């Protein structure tokens, strides 16, 4: 897949995909050679993705907490 196709699939702009690929290459998670990608640190990628999942769970919990608090205030009125 090209970077453009990856961006289209993920809903990201080409510039963002290129930036992410460069960052992954600099941190030695991926080896990038033109259109070829090679995962050189799968466990590092997994750790990175696990961290993102935890952040998203916290965000969702915060949103739920705000909704519950909002509902509680509405019911009190």
N, C-alpha and C. Protein backbone atom coordinates (compact mmCIF):
# COMPACT_ATOMS: atom_id res chain seq x y z
N UNK A 1 0.84 -1.18 0.00
CA UNK A 1 0.00 0.00 0.00
C UNK A 1 0.89 1.25 0.00
N UNK A 2 0.42 2.24 -0.68
CA UNK A 2 1.15 3.50 -0.65
C UNK A 2 0.75 4.27 0.62
N UNK A 3 1.52 5.29 0.93
CA UNK A 3 1.18 6.13 2.09
C UNK A 3 -0.19 6.78 1.89
N UNK A 4 -0.47 7.14 0.66
CA UNK A 4 -1.77 7.75 0.33
C UNK A 4 -2.91 6.76 0.60
N UNK A 5 -2.71 5.50 0.20
CA UNK A 5 -3.72 4.47 0.44
C UNK A 5 -3.88 4.19 1.93
N UNK A 6 -2.78 4.18 2.66
CA UNK A 6 -2.84 3.98 4.11
C UNK A 6 -3.61 5.12 4.75
N UNK A 7 -3.31 6.35 4.33
CA UNK A 7 -4.01 7.51 4.85
C UNK A 7 -5.49 7.46 4.56
N UNK A 8 -5.84 7.06 3.36
CA UNK A 8 -7.24 6.95 2.98
C UNK A 8 -7.94 5.90 3.84
N UNK A 9 -7.28 4.78 4.04
CA UNK A 9 -7.84 3.69 4.84
C UNK A 9 -8.06 4.12 6.29
N UNK A 10 -7.10 4.86 6.85
CA UNK A 10 -7.17 5.28 8.25
C UNK A 10 -7.87 6.62 8.46
N UNK A 11 -8.17 7.30 7.36
CA UNK A 11 -8.80 8.61 7.47
C UNK A 11 -7.82 9.70 7.88
N UNK A 12 -6.57 9.55 7.44
CA UNK A 12 -5.52 10.52 7.76
C UNK A 12 -5.00 11.15 6.47
N UNK A 13 -4.48 12.36 6.60
CA UNK A 13 -3.85 13.01 5.45
C UNK A 13 -2.49 12.39 5.17
N UNK A 14 -2.05 12.49 3.94
CA UNK A 14 -0.77 11.93 3.51
C UNK A 14 0.38 12.46 4.37
N UNK A 15 0.34 13.76 4.70
CA UNK A 15 1.41 14.36 5.50
C UNK A 15 1.51 13.71 6.87
N UNK A 16 0.36 13.41 7.47
CA UNK A 16 0.34 12.78 8.80
C UNK A 16 0.89 11.37 8.74
N UNK A 17 0.52 10.62 7.72
CA UNK A 17 1.02 9.26 7.55
C UNK A 17 2.54 9.29 7.38
N UNK A 18 3.04 10.20 6.55
CA UNK A 18 4.48 10.31 6.33
C UNK A 18 5.21 10.68 7.62
N UNK A 19 4.63 11.59 8.38
CA UNK A 19 5.24 11.99 9.66
C UNK A 19 5.30 10.81 10.63
N UNK A 20 4.22 10.07 10.73
CA UNK A 20 4.19 8.91 11.63
C UNK A 20 5.21 7.87 11.20
N UNK A 21 5.27 7.60 9.90
CA UNK A 21 6.24 6.62 9.38
C UNK A 21 7.67 7.07 9.70
N UNK A 22 7.93 8.36 9.55
CA UNK A 22 9.27 8.88 9.85
C UNK A 22 9.59 8.73 11.34
N UNK A 23 8.60 9.03 12.19
CA UNK A 23 8.82 8.90 13.63
C UNK A 23 9.07 7.44 14.01
N UNK A 24 8.30 6.53 13.43
CA UNK A 24 8.49 5.11 13.71
C UNK A 24 9.86 4.65 13.22
N UNK A 25 10.33 5.21 12.10
CA UNK A 25 11.64 4.86 11.58
C UNK A 25 12.74 5.40 12.50
N UNK A 26 12.59 6.64 12.96
CA UNK A 26 13.59 7.26 13.84
C UNK A 26 13.68 6.55 15.19
N UNK A 27 12.57 6.05 15.68
CA UNK A 27 12.58 5.35 16.97
C UNK A 27 12.84 3.85 16.80
N UNK A 28 13.21 3.47 15.57
CA UNK A 28 13.58 2.10 15.23
C UNK A 28 12.48 1.09 15.50
N UNK A 29 11.24 1.49 15.21
CA UNK A 29 10.11 0.56 15.28
C UNK A 29 9.86 -0.07 13.92
N UNK A 30 10.07 0.73 12.86
CA UNK A 30 9.90 0.27 11.49
C UNK A 30 11.13 0.60 10.68
N UNK A 31 11.37 -0.21 9.68
CA UNK A 31 12.38 0.12 8.69
C UNK A 31 11.62 0.51 7.43
N UNK A 32 11.84 1.70 6.96
CA UNK A 32 11.12 2.22 5.79
C UNK A 32 12.09 2.33 4.63
N UNK A 33 11.76 1.66 3.53
CA UNK A 33 12.57 1.72 2.32
C UNK A 33 11.63 1.94 1.14
N UNK A 34 11.46 3.20 0.77
CA UNK A 34 10.53 3.60 -0.29
C UNK A 34 9.12 3.12 0.06
N UNK A 35 8.61 2.13 -0.66
CA UNK A 35 7.25 1.64 -0.40
C UNK A 35 7.23 0.41 0.49
N UNK A 36 8.38 -0.06 0.92
CA UNK A 36 8.45 -1.27 1.72
C UNK A 36 8.63 -0.93 3.20
N UNK A 37 7.84 -1.58 4.03
CA UNK A 37 7.94 -1.42 5.47
C UNK A 37 8.31 -2.75 6.09
N UNK A 38 9.15 -2.70 7.10
CA UNK A 38 9.51 -3.91 7.82
C UNK A 38 9.46 -3.59 9.31
N UNK A 39 8.66 -4.35 10.07
CA UNK A 39 8.62 -4.16 11.52
C UNK A 39 9.91 -4.72 12.10
N UNK A 40 10.70 -3.85 12.69
CA UNK A 40 11.95 -4.33 13.28
C UNK A 40 11.84 -4.41 14.80
N UNK A 41 10.77 -3.88 15.35
CA UNK A 41 10.56 -3.95 16.79
C UNK A 41 9.06 -4.14 17.07
N UNK A 42 8.54 -5.35 16.80
CA UNK A 42 7.10 -5.59 17.00
C UNK A 42 6.65 -5.35 18.45
N UNK A 43 7.47 -5.72 19.41
CA UNK A 43 7.07 -5.52 20.81
C UNK A 43 7.01 -4.03 21.15
N UNK A 44 7.88 -3.23 20.55
CA UNK A 44 7.84 -1.78 20.75
C UNK A 44 6.57 -1.17 20.17
N UNK A 45 6.18 -1.64 18.99
CA UNK A 45 4.93 -1.18 18.39
C UNK A 45 3.74 -1.58 19.25
N UNK A 46 3.77 -2.81 19.76
CA UNK A 46 2.68 -3.29 20.61
C UNK A 46 2.58 -2.45 21.89
N UNK A 47 3.72 -2.12 22.48
CA UNK A 47 3.72 -1.28 23.68
C UNK A 47 3.15 0.09 23.38
N UNK A 48 3.53 0.64 22.25
CA UNK A 48 3.02 1.95 21.85
C UNK A 48 1.51 1.90 21.68
N UNK A 49 1.01 0.88 21.00
CA UNK A 49 -0.42 0.75 20.77
C UNK A 49 -1.17 0.48 22.07
N UNK A 50 -0.59 -0.28 22.97
CA UNK A 50 -1.22 -0.54 24.26
C UNK A 50 -1.37 0.75 25.04
N UNK A 51 -0.35 1.59 24.98
CA UNK A 51 -0.41 2.88 25.65
C UNK A 51 -1.52 3.75 25.09
N UNK A 52 -1.72 3.70 23.77
CA UNK A 52 -2.79 4.47 23.13
C UNK A 52 -4.15 3.95 23.58
N UNK A 53 -4.28 2.64 23.70
CA UNK A 53 -5.56 2.06 24.12
C UNK A 53 -5.89 2.48 25.54
N UNK A 54 -4.90 2.52 26.41
CA UNK A 54 -5.12 2.92 27.79
C UNK A 54 -5.56 4.38 27.84
N UNK A 55 -4.91 5.25 27.07
CA UNK A 55 -5.29 6.66 27.03
C UNK A 55 -6.72 6.82 26.55
N UNK A 56 -7.11 6.06 25.53
CA UNK A 56 -8.48 6.15 25.00
C UNK A 56 -9.49 5.67 26.04
N UNK A 57 -9.16 4.61 26.76
CA UNK A 57 -10.05 4.12 27.81
C UNK A 57 -10.23 5.19 28.89
N UNK A 58 -9.15 5.85 29.27
CA UNK A 58 -9.24 6.92 30.27
C UNK A 58 -10.11 8.06 29.76
N UNK A 59 -9.95 8.42 28.48
CA UNK A 59 -10.75 9.48 27.89
C UNK A 59 -12.23 9.12 27.90
N UNK A 60 -12.54 7.88 27.53
CA UNK A 60 -13.93 7.44 27.53
C UNK A 60 -14.50 7.45 28.94
N UNK A 61 -13.71 7.01 29.91
CA UNK A 61 -14.16 7.01 31.30
C UNK A 61 -14.43 8.43 31.77
N UNK A 62 -13.57 9.36 31.39
CA UNK A 62 -13.75 10.76 31.78
C UNK A 62 -15.04 11.30 31.16
N UNK A 63 -15.29 10.95 29.89
CA UNK A 63 -16.52 11.40 29.24
C UNK A 63 -17.75 10.82 29.93
N UNK A 64 -17.69 9.54 30.29
CA UNK A 64 -18.80 8.91 30.98
C UNK A 64 -19.02 9.56 32.34
N UNK A 65 -17.94 9.85 33.03
CA UNK A 65 -18.04 10.47 34.34
C UNK A 65 -18.68 11.85 34.23
N UNK A 66 -18.30 12.62 33.20
CA UNK A 66 -18.88 13.95 33.00
C UNK A 66 -20.37 13.83 32.68
N UNK A 67 -20.74 12.85 31.87
CA UNK A 67 -22.16 12.65 31.54
C UNK A 67 -22.95 12.27 32.79
N UNK A 68 -22.39 11.36 33.58
CA UNK A 68 -23.08 10.94 34.80
C UNK A 68 -23.24 12.12 35.75
N UNK A 69 -22.20 12.93 35.87
CA UNK A 69 -22.26 14.10 36.73
C UNK A 69 -23.29 15.09 36.20
N UNK A 70 -23.31 15.28 34.90
CA UNK A 70 -24.27 16.19 34.27
C UNK A 70 -25.70 15.70 34.51
N UNK A 71 -25.92 14.39 34.33
CA UNK A 71 -27.24 13.81 34.57
C UNK A 71 -27.66 13.97 36.02
N UNK A 72 -26.73 13.78 36.92
CA UNK A 72 -27.02 13.91 38.33
C UNK A 72 -27.45 15.34 38.66
N UNK A 73 -26.76 16.33 38.08
CA UNK A 73 -27.12 17.73 38.30
C UNK A 73 -28.49 18.04 37.72
N UNK A 74 -28.77 17.50 36.54
CA UNK A 74 -30.06 17.72 35.88
C UNK A 74 -31.19 17.14 36.71
N UNK A 75 -30.99 15.95 37.24
CA UNK A 75 -32.02 15.30 38.05
C UNK A 75 -32.24 16.05 39.36
N UNK A 76 -31.21 16.66 39.89
CA UNK A 76 -31.31 17.38 41.16
C UNK A 76 -32.13 18.65 41.01
N UNK A 77 -32.18 19.20 39.80
CA UNK A 77 -32.92 20.46 39.58
C UNK A 77 -34.36 20.21 39.46
